[in-house]
Amino acid sequence: MMKEYKTITRIAGPLIFVEKTDPIGYGEIVQIRLDNGELKNGQVLDTSDEVVVVQVFEGTSGIGKNTKVKFLGETLKIGISEDMQGRIFNGAGKPIDNKPAIIPEKTLSIMGAAINPYSRDKPSDFIQTGISTIDATNTLVRGQKLPIFSGSGLPHNEIALQIARQAKVLGKGENFVVVFAAMGITNEEAQYFIRDFERTGAISKSVIFLNLADDPAVERLVTPRMALTAAEYLAFEKDYHVLVILTDMTNYCESLREIGAAREEVPGRRGYPGYMYTDLATIYERAGIIKGKKGSVTQIPILTMVGDDITHPIPDLTGYITEGQIVLSRELHRKGIYPPIDILPSLSRLMNMGIGKEKTREDHKAVSDQLYAGYAEGRDLRGLVAIVGEEALSTRDKRLLNFAAEFEKRFVTQKRDEDRSIDETTNLGWDMFGTIPEDELTRISQDLRKKYYKSREKPSDDRQHR
C-alpha cells in the first residue's frame, strides 16, 4: 500500500513542497487528494533528502496543510495506438473531439530518449513541402530538425498548416503522417487549426495535440513530449514517416521560466533557466532515422522571436541544437508577400544530403547557389540606390536590382494553397535567370547552362547598332 503524506510545507505558483518522504524518483506521478475529496495530479520536479518539489497540473487552488499526497511510483505515460490518426487531444493527451477514448496498443513513458548517435542513420530523402523558398534553397530532408524563426504577427501558423497539408516524399508510396502540437495558443487559433485540418481533409493523416493559453503552464511542458512519444511509436514500431510540427516553442520556454521562478532557481540569460539548452535538446534530439527501422521522425519546431531578436536565448539555443533555420521577414510581410521567408539568413545544413540527380534534379544545387548570389547582390544594391539613385548604377547592377524584385514577386510569393513541385520551382528559377546574360551565371556549370538556359534578355540599344 502506498503511503499518503500530509507534509506540505509550502505552495509557490504551480508547485507544492512536500517534506519527510521515503525515497522518491524524479518524474514520478503524484496523486493529490484535497479536503473535499477532489483529486489533482502532479509530477515530481525535484527531489532531495529533505524535500520533494511537485508540479501540479490542475493548479494549486484548494490545496492546504491537510491535503494528502500520494507518490504512485511511475512516470507520466500516454496510451498509444494507430487509431490516434484523425483525432484531437489536449496537451495532457486526453481526447477533446467528442469521440470515444483511444484503446491503447501500448502505454509508453513520455520522457522518451534522444536517439543514440551510433544507431542514427544518415538522412537522405527529400521532403517536398510545395513551398519554393524551402524546397529550392533550404531543402527539408527526412529525419531532419529544421525550425522556423518567426515574429509576433507573422503568418507562421499558416505556413505550418500549408506544410502539414502538402509535405510528401516523391515517388514513394509510403505511410506519411503529421503530428501537430500547439502550445499556449488562444482558443481562436485552436479553432482555426481544427477548421483548416478538417476543411482540407488533412486531419485523416494527422494526430493533433492542443494546449490552450488558459491551460496550466505545467501542462505545456508535457505537450511536446506527448506528441513526440506518439510520433516515435508510429515511426519506429509502425513504419510511418512522421512530420512533427511544434508551435510555439517560445510559449514552452516561457512556461519553463515560470516554473524556474516558482522554484526560486538562480536565473540564466534573460531570466530563463540555465538548463534550458539541455531541456530543448531532450525535445529536438528525438528526431531522426534509426538504422534497421523503416520509419522516421522529422521535426519543424516553430518559435516567435521576442522583439524579432535572433540573438534572444530561445532562437539562439535552438539554432545550436537543430540543423539550420528558416527565417521569416517582417519587411517581406509588410510588402504583402506570402510566405515571407527570407532566404539570406535561412539555412538547411542537411540540404546537400537530400538533393541532386535521382533525388531532386541534377541542377538543384547550382540553381539554389545562383538564386542566393543574385538575390544577395540585388538586396545590397537597394541600399546603394537609396544613397546615389538608380541612375548611377551600371547596366549589370540594374539587372541585379530587378532580379531581386522579380525574385520576391515571382519566386518567394505563393498562394496559401499553392503546391509547387520541385520541377516547377527549379524551372521558375531558370526562367528568372533568362534576364541575366549567360556568362554572368557564375555559380552554374557550362554543361547545365547549355542544357537549361534560355535568354529572356531584351537586346540593348548598343547591341542593336552593332
Protein backbone atom coordinates (compact mmCIF):
# COMPACT_ATOMS: atom_id res chain seq x y z
CA MET A 1 0.00 0.00 0.00
CA MET A 2 1.38 3.38 -0.99
CA LYS A 3 1.79 5.94 1.78
CA GLU A 4 -0.13 9.21 1.83
CA TYR A 5 1.73 12.24 3.14
CA LYS A 6 0.26 15.31 4.86
CA THR A 7 3.58 17.17 5.00
CA ILE A 8 3.06 20.03 2.51
CA THR A 9 5.12 22.91 3.88
CA ARG A 10 4.89 25.48 1.09
CA ILE A 11 2.95 26.34 -2.06
CA ALA A 12 4.55 28.51 -4.77
CA GLY A 13 2.69 29.09 -8.04
CA PRO A 14 2.01 25.66 -9.57
CA LEU A 15 4.42 23.93 -7.13
CA ILE A 16 3.99 22.27 -3.75
CA PHE A 17 6.87 21.31 -1.41
CA VAL A 18 6.48 18.02 0.49
CA GLU A 19 8.78 17.07 3.41
CA LYS A 20 9.84 13.81 5.18
CA THR A 21 9.05 11.37 2.41
CA ASP A 22 10.56 7.99 1.58
CA PRO A 23 12.99 7.96 -1.41
CA ILE A 24 11.12 9.35 -4.45
CA GLY A 25 12.18 9.18 -8.12
CA TYR A 26 12.45 12.16 -10.49
CA GLY A 27 9.44 12.47 -12.83
CA GLU A 28 7.17 10.27 -10.65
CA ILE A 29 3.43 10.81 -10.94
CA VAL A 30 1.70 12.20 -7.85
CA GLN A 31 -1.94 12.00 -6.75
CA ILE A 32 -3.15 14.92 -4.58
CA ARG A 33 -6.36 14.48 -2.55
CA LEU A 34 -7.98 17.72 -1.32
CA ASP A 35 -10.06 18.00 1.90
CA ASN A 36 -13.30 17.85 -0.15
CA GLY A 37 -12.21 14.60 -1.86
CA GLU A 38 -11.26 16.25 -5.17
CA LEU A 39 -8.25 14.65 -6.89
CA LYS A 40 -5.46 16.53 -8.66
CA ASN A 41 -2.43 15.16 -10.50
CA GLY A 42 1.18 16.23 -10.39
CA GLN A 43 4.71 15.22 -11.25
CA VAL A 44 7.94 15.24 -9.22
CA LEU A 45 10.12 18.08 -10.45
CA ASP A 46 12.93 17.86 -7.90
CA THR A 47 13.82 15.50 -5.09
CA SER A 48 16.31 15.54 -2.20
CA ASP A 49 16.68 14.01 1.29
CA GLU A 50 14.69 16.84 2.90
CA VAL A 51 12.05 17.92 0.40
CA VAL A 52 10.25 16.84 -2.79
CA VAL A 53 9.04 19.53 -5.24
CA VAL A 54 5.82 18.58 -7.09
CA GLN A 55 4.37 20.47 -10.06
CA VAL A 56 0.56 20.33 -10.02
CA PHE A 57 -1.14 20.03 -13.42
CA GLU A 58 -4.55 21.45 -12.47
CA GLY A 59 -3.26 24.40 -10.41
CA THR A 60 -2.78 24.63 -6.64
CA SER A 61 -6.06 26.34 -5.64
CA GLY A 62 -7.78 24.46 -2.78
CA ILE A 63 -4.57 22.76 -1.59
CA GLY A 64 -3.91 23.24 2.13
CA LYS A 65 -1.95 21.78 5.06
CA ASN A 66 -4.31 18.77 5.37
CA THR A 67 -4.13 17.85 1.68
CA LYS A 68 -2.90 14.28 1.19
CA VAL A 69 -0.13 13.49 -1.30
CA LYS A 70 0.50 10.01 -2.72
CA PHE A 71 3.50 9.09 -4.90
CA LEU A 72 2.49 6.46 -7.47
CA GLY A 73 5.96 5.14 -8.31
CA GLU A 74 5.70 5.56 -12.09
CA THR A 75 6.43 8.29 -14.65
CA LEU A 76 3.90 10.11 -16.86
CA LYS A 77 2.66 7.80 -19.61
CA ILE A 78 0.44 8.04 -22.67
CA GLY A 79 -1.66 5.32 -24.27
CA ILE A 80 -0.61 4.99 -27.93
CA SER A 81 -2.41 3.46 -30.91
CA GLU A 82 -2.50 3.76 -34.71
CA ASP A 83 -6.12 4.90 -34.20
CA MET A 84 -4.78 8.27 -32.93
CA GLN A 85 -4.75 9.41 -36.57
CA GLY A 86 -7.62 11.78 -37.27
CA ARG A 87 -8.01 12.59 -33.56
CA ILE A 88 -7.56 15.77 -31.49
CA PHE A 89 -6.15 15.66 -27.94
CA ASN A 90 -5.45 18.27 -25.27
CA GLY A 91 -1.93 18.95 -24.02
CA ALA A 92 -2.22 16.14 -21.47
CA GLY A 93 -3.12 13.55 -24.12
CA LYS A 94 -6.88 13.32 -23.43
CA PRO A 95 -9.30 13.35 -26.44
CA ILE A 96 -11.20 16.65 -26.90
CA ASP A 97 -13.03 15.86 -30.16
CA ASN A 98 -16.15 14.28 -28.57
CA LYS A 99 -15.14 10.85 -29.83
CA PRO A 100 -14.52 7.69 -27.75
CA ALA A 101 -11.29 7.28 -25.81
CA ILE A 102 -8.38 5.57 -27.58
CA ILE A 103 -7.91 1.87 -26.83
CA PRO A 104 -4.12 1.81 -26.41
CA GLU A 105 -1.94 -0.76 -28.15
CA LYS A 106 0.87 0.28 -25.80
CA THR A 107 1.37 2.62 -22.84
CA LEU A 108 4.68 4.50 -23.05
CA SER A 109 6.55 6.97 -20.84
CA ILE A 110 6.51 10.43 -22.41
CA MET A 111 10.10 11.16 -21.34
CA GLY A 112 11.48 9.13 -24.27
CA ALA A 113 15.16 9.43 -25.10
CA ALA A 114 17.40 11.01 -27.70
CA ILE A 115 18.43 8.60 -30.45
CA ASN A 116 21.82 7.01 -29.81
CA PRO A 117 24.26 8.64 -32.29
CA TYR A 118 25.68 5.21 -33.23
CA SER A 119 22.17 3.97 -34.14
CA ARG A 120 21.29 7.01 -36.25
CA ASP A 121 21.08 6.59 -40.00
CA LYS A 122 22.10 9.38 -42.39
CA PRO A 123 19.14 11.50 -43.63
CA SER A 124 18.97 11.42 -47.43
CA ASP A 125 15.34 11.64 -48.64
CA PHE A 126 14.00 14.96 -49.94
CA ILE A 127 10.67 16.09 -48.44
CA GLN A 128 8.73 18.31 -50.85
CA THR A 129 6.76 20.97 -48.97
CA GLY A 130 5.47 22.68 -52.13
CA ILE A 131 6.98 25.99 -50.91
CA SER A 132 9.71 27.16 -53.33
CA THR A 133 11.88 29.02 -50.81
CA ILE A 134 12.12 25.86 -48.68
CA ASP A 135 12.34 23.22 -51.43
CA ALA A 136 14.86 25.02 -53.66
CA THR A 137 17.11 26.90 -51.24
CA ASN A 138 16.57 25.43 -47.73
CA THR A 139 15.61 21.87 -48.51
CA LEU A 140 13.96 19.76 -45.81
CA VAL A 141 15.35 16.21 -45.57
CA ARG A 142 13.61 13.28 -43.92
CA GLY A 143 14.90 12.84 -40.34
CA GLN A 144 16.00 16.49 -40.05
CA LYS A 145 15.03 19.06 -37.41
CA LEU A 146 14.55 22.39 -39.21
CA PRO A 147 12.98 25.20 -37.14
CA ILE A 148 11.04 28.23 -38.40
CA PHE A 149 12.09 31.51 -36.73
CA SER A 150 9.17 33.91 -36.83
CA GLY A 151 7.97 37.08 -35.09
CA SER A 152 4.67 38.02 -33.50
CA GLY A 153 2.03 38.78 -36.13
CA LEU A 154 3.83 36.92 -38.93
CA PRO A 155 1.97 34.06 -40.66
CA HIS A 156 3.97 31.14 -39.21
CA ASN A 157 0.78 29.25 -38.35
CA GLU A 158 -0.44 29.46 -41.97
CA ILE A 159 2.96 28.21 -43.20
CA ALA A 160 2.85 25.35 -40.66
CA LEU A 161 -0.60 24.32 -41.89
CA GLN A 162 0.49 24.57 -45.53
CA ILE A 163 3.48 22.29 -44.84
CA ALA A 164 1.23 19.88 -42.90
CA ARG A 165 -1.13 19.67 -45.90
CA GLN A 166 1.45 19.49 -48.69
CA ALA A 167 4.52 17.65 -47.33
CA LYS A 168 5.35 14.46 -49.23
CA VAL A 169 8.27 12.27 -50.29
CA LEU A 170 8.35 11.92 -54.08
CA GLY A 171 7.99 8.60 -55.88
CA LYS A 172 7.44 6.56 -52.75
CA GLY A 173 4.03 5.26 -51.74
CA GLU A 174 4.87 5.23 -48.05
CA ASN A 175 2.74 5.90 -44.99
CA PHE A 176 3.13 9.59 -44.16
CA VAL A 177 1.54 11.17 -41.07
CA VAL A 178 1.72 14.61 -39.42
CA VAL A 179 1.85 15.04 -35.64
CA PHE A 180 0.86 18.63 -34.87
CA ALA A 181 1.39 20.01 -31.34
CA ALA A 182 0.36 23.57 -30.43
CA MET A 183 1.37 25.10 -27.08
CA GLY A 184 -0.09 28.16 -25.38
CA ILE A 185 -2.35 29.09 -28.30
CA THR A 186 -5.62 31.03 -27.98
CA ASN A 187 -9.00 29.35 -28.37
CA GLU A 188 -9.44 31.27 -31.65
CA GLU A 189 -6.16 29.86 -33.02
CA ALA A 190 -7.17 26.35 -31.92
CA GLN A 191 -10.47 26.61 -33.82
CA TYR A 192 -8.58 27.95 -36.87
CA PHE A 193 -6.22 24.93 -36.83
CA ILE A 194 -9.06 22.42 -36.39
CA ARG A 195 -11.17 24.01 -39.17
CA ASP A 196 -8.22 24.01 -41.59
CA PHE A 197 -7.33 20.37 -40.92
CA GLU A 198 -10.98 19.33 -41.34
CA ARG A 199 -11.63 21.52 -44.42
CA THR A 200 -8.67 20.12 -46.36
CA GLY A 201 -9.08 16.52 -45.19
CA ALA A 202 -5.52 16.58 -43.79
CA ILE A 203 -6.91 15.57 -40.39
CA SER A 204 -7.30 11.93 -41.51
CA LYS A 205 -3.48 11.65 -41.65
CA SER A 206 -2.80 13.82 -38.59
CA VAL A 207 -2.54 13.48 -34.81
CA ILE A 208 -3.26 16.83 -33.14
CA PHE A 209 -2.36 17.99 -29.60
CA LEU A 210 -3.69 21.40 -28.48
CA ASN A 211 -2.57 23.12 -25.28
CA LEU A 212 -4.50 26.37 -24.88
CA ALA A 213 -3.29 29.61 -23.31
CA ASP A 214 -5.62 29.16 -20.30
CA ASP A 215 -4.44 25.58 -19.67
CA PRO A 216 -1.90 25.11 -16.84
CA ALA A 217 1.66 26.18 -17.67
CA VAL A 218 2.87 22.84 -16.36
CA GLU A 219 0.82 21.00 -19.00
CA ARG A 220 2.67 22.98 -21.68
CA LEU A 221 5.89 21.24 -20.65
CA VAL A 222 4.45 17.77 -21.32
CA THR A 223 2.63 18.59 -24.62
CA PRO A 224 5.65 18.29 -26.98
CA ARG A 225 6.75 15.11 -25.20
CA MET A 226 3.27 13.59 -25.62
CA ALA A 227 3.40 14.42 -29.34
CA LEU A 228 6.91 13.03 -29.81
CA THR A 229 6.06 9.80 -27.97
CA ALA A 230 3.15 9.29 -30.39
CA ALA A 231 5.45 10.14 -33.33
CA GLU A 232 8.17 7.70 -32.22
CA TYR A 233 5.66 4.86 -31.82
CA LEU A 234 4.18 5.45 -35.29
CA ALA A 235 7.65 5.81 -36.84
CA PHE A 236 9.72 3.10 -35.21
CA GLU A 237 7.08 0.47 -34.42
CA LYS A 238 4.52 1.03 -37.21
CA ASP A 239 6.91 2.14 -40.01
CA TYR A 240 5.30 5.54 -40.66
CA HIS A 241 7.25 8.58 -41.82
CA VAL A 242 6.22 11.25 -39.34
CA LEU A 243 6.50 15.03 -39.66
CA VAL A 244 6.23 16.68 -36.22
CA ILE A 245 5.27 20.37 -36.17
CA LEU A 246 5.71 22.07 -32.76
CA THR A 247 4.30 25.58 -32.35
CA ASP A 248 5.14 27.75 -30.45
CA MET A 249 8.38 26.79 -28.66
CA THR A 250 8.57 30.32 -27.21
CA ASN A 251 5.43 29.58 -25.16
CA TYR A 252 7.06 26.34 -24.00
CA CYS A 253 10.20 28.21 -22.85
CA GLU A 254 8.08 30.87 -21.06
CA SER A 255 6.49 28.04 -19.04
CA LEU A 256 9.95 26.68 -18.27
CA ARG A 257 10.92 30.13 -16.96
CA GLU A 258 7.70 30.38 -14.90
CA ILE A 259 8.38 27.02 -13.21
CA GLY A 260 12.01 28.00 -12.61
CA ALA A 261 10.91 31.25 -10.92
CA ALA A 262 8.44 29.34 -8.71
CA ARG A 263 11.29 27.04 -7.65
CA GLU A 264 13.39 30.14 -6.86
CA GLU A 265 16.20 28.94 -9.12
CA VAL A 266 19.10 31.21 -9.98
CA PRO A 267 18.08 32.52 -13.43
CA GLY A 268 20.30 32.39 -16.52
CA ARG A 269 20.17 34.69 -19.57
CA ARG A 270 17.10 36.98 -19.53
CA GLY A 271 15.59 35.03 -16.64
CA TYR A 272 15.43 31.67 -18.44
CA PRO A 273 16.77 28.66 -16.53
CA GLY A 274 20.40 27.73 -17.09
CA TYR A 275 19.37 24.21 -18.12
CA MET A 276 17.11 25.42 -20.97
CA TYR A 277 19.66 24.27 -23.59
CA THR A 278 19.58 20.73 -22.19
CA ASP A 279 15.79 20.78 -21.87
CA LEU A 280 15.30 21.88 -25.51
CA ALA A 281 17.82 19.24 -26.64
CA THR A 282 15.71 16.50 -25.00
CA ILE A 283 12.90 17.56 -27.39
CA TYR A 284 14.81 18.35 -30.60
CA GLU A 285 17.08 15.29 -30.44
CA ARG A 286 14.06 12.99 -30.63
CA ALA A 287 14.10 13.43 -34.43
CA GLY A 288 15.92 11.23 -36.90
CA ILE A 289 16.19 7.84 -38.57
CA ILE A 290 17.27 4.64 -36.78
CA LYS A 291 19.33 2.02 -38.64
CA GLY A 292 17.24 -1.05 -39.43
CA LYS A 293 13.90 0.77 -38.93
CA LYS A 294 11.72 1.79 -41.87
CA GLY A 295 10.10 4.84 -40.27
CA SER A 296 11.47 8.33 -39.49
CA VAL A 297 10.73 11.38 -37.37
CA THR A 298 11.25 14.83 -38.96
CA GLN A 299 10.73 17.95 -36.85
CA ILE A 300 9.70 21.52 -37.71
CA PRO A 301 9.68 23.47 -34.42
CA ILE A 302 8.25 27.00 -34.78
CA LEU A 303 9.20 29.82 -32.46
CA THR A 304 8.37 33.53 -32.34
CA MET A 305 11.46 35.62 -31.69
CA VAL A 306 10.85 38.11 -28.88
CA GLY A 307 11.27 41.60 -30.39
CA ASP A 308 12.38 39.96 -33.69
CA ASP A 309 15.73 39.36 -31.96
CA ILE A 310 17.52 36.33 -33.44
CA THR A 311 20.13 36.53 -30.62
CA HIS A 312 17.41 36.01 -27.98
CA PRO A 313 18.16 32.85 -25.89
CA ILE A 314 15.32 30.77 -27.40
CA PRO A 315 16.28 31.08 -31.14
CA ASP A 316 19.97 31.20 -30.17
CA LEU A 317 19.92 27.86 -28.32
CA THR A 318 17.53 26.31 -30.86
CA GLY A 319 19.94 27.21 -33.67
CA TYR A 320 22.78 25.39 -31.88
CA ILE A 321 20.79 22.16 -31.46
CA THR A 322 18.91 21.97 -34.78
CA GLU A 323 20.16 21.62 -38.36
CA GLY A 324 19.55 25.11 -39.73
CA GLN A 325 16.65 27.55 -39.62
CA ILE A 326 14.01 29.14 -41.86
CA VAL A 327 13.67 32.85 -41.04
CA LEU A 328 10.51 34.86 -41.68
CA SER A 329 10.95 38.54 -42.57
CA ARG A 330 8.76 41.37 -41.30
CA GLU A 331 9.92 43.51 -44.24
CA LEU A 332 8.62 40.96 -46.79
CA HIS A 333 5.39 40.61 -44.79
CA ARG A 334 4.87 44.40 -44.92
CA LYS A 335 5.19 44.20 -48.73
CA GLY A 336 2.27 41.75 -48.75
CA ILE A 337 4.48 38.78 -49.70
CA TYR A 338 3.40 35.30 -48.57
CA PRO A 339 5.20 33.24 -47.37
CA PRO A 340 7.59 35.97 -46.12
CA ILE A 341 10.62 33.63 -46.00
CA ASP A 342 13.96 35.48 -46.18
CA ILE A 343 16.41 33.04 -47.77
CA LEU A 344 19.55 35.04 -46.87
CA PRO A 345 19.67 34.28 -43.09
CA SER A 346 17.96 30.91 -43.66
CA LEU A 347 19.92 27.68 -43.87
CA SER A 348 19.37 23.93 -44.13
CA ARG A 349 22.54 22.15 -43.02
CA LEU A 350 21.42 18.77 -44.39
CA MET A 351 20.24 20.12 -47.75
CA ASN A 352 23.09 18.59 -49.79
CA MET A 353 22.24 15.09 -48.48
CA GLY A 354 18.75 15.19 -49.99
CA ILE A 355 19.21 16.85 -53.39
CA GLY A 356 20.82 16.13 -56.75
CA LYS A 357 20.40 13.58 -59.52
CA GLU A 358 17.85 10.82 -58.75
CA LYS A 359 16.72 12.68 -55.60
CA THR A 360 15.51 16.03 -56.92
CA ARG A 361 17.32 17.31 -60.04
CA GLU A 362 20.93 17.47 -61.22
CA ASP A 363 20.76 21.28 -61.42
CA HIS A 364 19.18 21.81 -57.97
CA LYS A 365 22.34 22.87 -56.09
CA ALA A 366 23.55 25.15 -58.90
CA VAL A 367 20.15 26.87 -59.23
CA SER A 368 19.99 27.38 -55.44
CA ASP A 369 23.52 28.89 -55.31
CA GLN A 370 22.78 31.24 -58.23
CA LEU A 371 19.47 32.37 -56.70
CA TYR A 372 21.25 33.16 -53.41
CA ALA A 373 24.03 35.08 -55.18
CA GLY A 374 21.69 37.12 -57.41
CA TYR A 375 19.25 37.98 -54.62
CA ALA A 376 22.02 38.89 -52.15
CA GLU A 377 23.68 41.28 -54.61
CA GLY A 378 20.34 42.78 -55.63
CA ARG A 379 19.39 43.38 -51.98
CA ASP A 380 22.74 45.06 -51.27
CA LEU A 381 22.21 47.39 -54.22
CA ARG A 382 18.93 48.66 -52.73
CA GLY A 383 20.97 50.34 -50.01
CA LEU A 384 23.21 51.93 -52.63
CA VAL A 385 20.22 53.17 -54.66
CA ALA A 386 18.89 54.92 -51.55
CA ILE A 387 22.13 56.96 -51.45
CA VAL A 388 23.17 57.58 -55.08
CA GLY A 389 19.94 56.89 -57.02
CA GLU A 390 19.31 54.24 -59.66
CA GLU A 391 20.76 56.38 -62.49
CA ALA A 392 24.28 55.94 -61.06
CA LEU A 393 24.12 52.13 -61.36
CA SER A 394 25.77 50.15 -64.16
CA THR A 395 23.66 48.04 -66.54
CA ARG A 396 24.67 44.87 -64.63
CA ASP A 397 23.69 46.43 -61.29
CA LYS A 398 20.31 47.44 -62.65
CA ARG A 399 19.76 43.86 -63.85
CA LEU A 400 20.53 42.50 -60.37
CA LEU A 401 18.28 45.11 -58.74
CA ASN A 402 15.43 44.00 -61.00
CA PHE A 403 16.30 40.34 -60.35
CA ALA A 404 15.87 40.84 -56.58
CA ALA A 405 12.44 42.44 -57.12
CA GLU A 406 11.35 39.67 -59.52
CA PHE A 407 12.66 37.00 -57.12
CA GLU A 408 10.40 38.33 -54.33
CA LYS A 409 7.43 38.83 -56.64
CA ARG A 410 7.53 35.52 -58.54
CA PHE A 411 9.69 33.01 -56.65
CA VAL A 412 9.01 33.82 -52.98
CA THR A 413 5.34 34.78 -53.42
CA GLN A 414 2.88 31.88 -53.47
CA LYS A 415 -0.79 31.36 -52.71
CA ARG A 416 -1.64 29.71 -49.38
CA ASP A 417 -2.89 26.61 -51.21
CA GLU A 418 -0.27 26.57 -53.98
CA ASP A 419 1.67 23.31 -54.02
CA ARG A 420 4.66 23.73 -56.38
CA SER A 421 6.58 20.63 -57.43
CA ILE A 422 10.40 20.74 -57.33
CA ASP A 423 10.39 20.75 -61.16
CA GLU A 424 8.09 23.81 -61.25
CA THR A 425 10.26 25.56 -58.65
CA THR A 426 13.56 24.85 -60.44
CA ASN A 427 12.14 25.79 -63.86
CA LEU A 428 10.92 29.06 -62.36
CA GLY A 429 14.50 29.74 -61.25
CA TRP A 430 15.79 29.14 -64.79
CA ASP A 431 13.07 31.38 -66.20
CA MET A 432 14.29 34.23 -63.97
CA PHE A 433 17.93 33.59 -64.95
CA GLY A 434 16.81 34.37 -68.52
CA THR A 435 17.05 38.11 -67.69
CA ILE A 436 20.78 37.71 -66.90
CA PRO A 437 23.44 37.15 -69.62
CA GLU A 438 24.66 33.55 -69.63
CA ASP A 439 28.28 34.46 -68.85
CA GLU A 440 27.16 36.17 -65.60
CA LEU A 441 25.66 32.94 -64.20
CA THR A 442 28.96 32.15 -62.47
CA ARG A 443 27.53 29.63 -59.97
CA ILE A 444 26.24 27.32 -62.71
CA SER A 445 28.43 24.99 -64.80
CA GLN A 446 28.67 25.40 -68.57
CA ASP A 447 27.03 21.99 -69.15
CA LEU A 448 23.96 22.90 -67.08
CA ARG A 449 23.70 26.32 -68.74
CA LYS A 450 23.79 24.68 -72.18
CA LYS A 451 21.01 22.28 -71.15
CA TYR A 452 18.60 24.61 -69.30
CA TYR A 453 19.41 28.28 -70.03
CA LYS A 454 17.00 30.28 -72.22
CA SER A 455 17.62 34.01 -72.57
CA ARG A 456 14.76 36.43 -71.86
CA GLU A 457 17.09 39.44 -72.01
CA LYS A 458 15.98 42.24 -74.34
CA PRO A 459 18.87 43.44 -76.56
CA SER A 460 20.11 46.87 -75.51
CA ASP A 461 20.44 49.79 -77.99
CA ASP A 462 24.21 49.46 -78.37
CA ARG A 463 23.85 45.72 -79.18
CA GLN A 464 21.22 46.51 -81.82
CA HIS A 465 23.52 49.07 -83.51
CA ARG A 466 26.32 46.51 -83.56
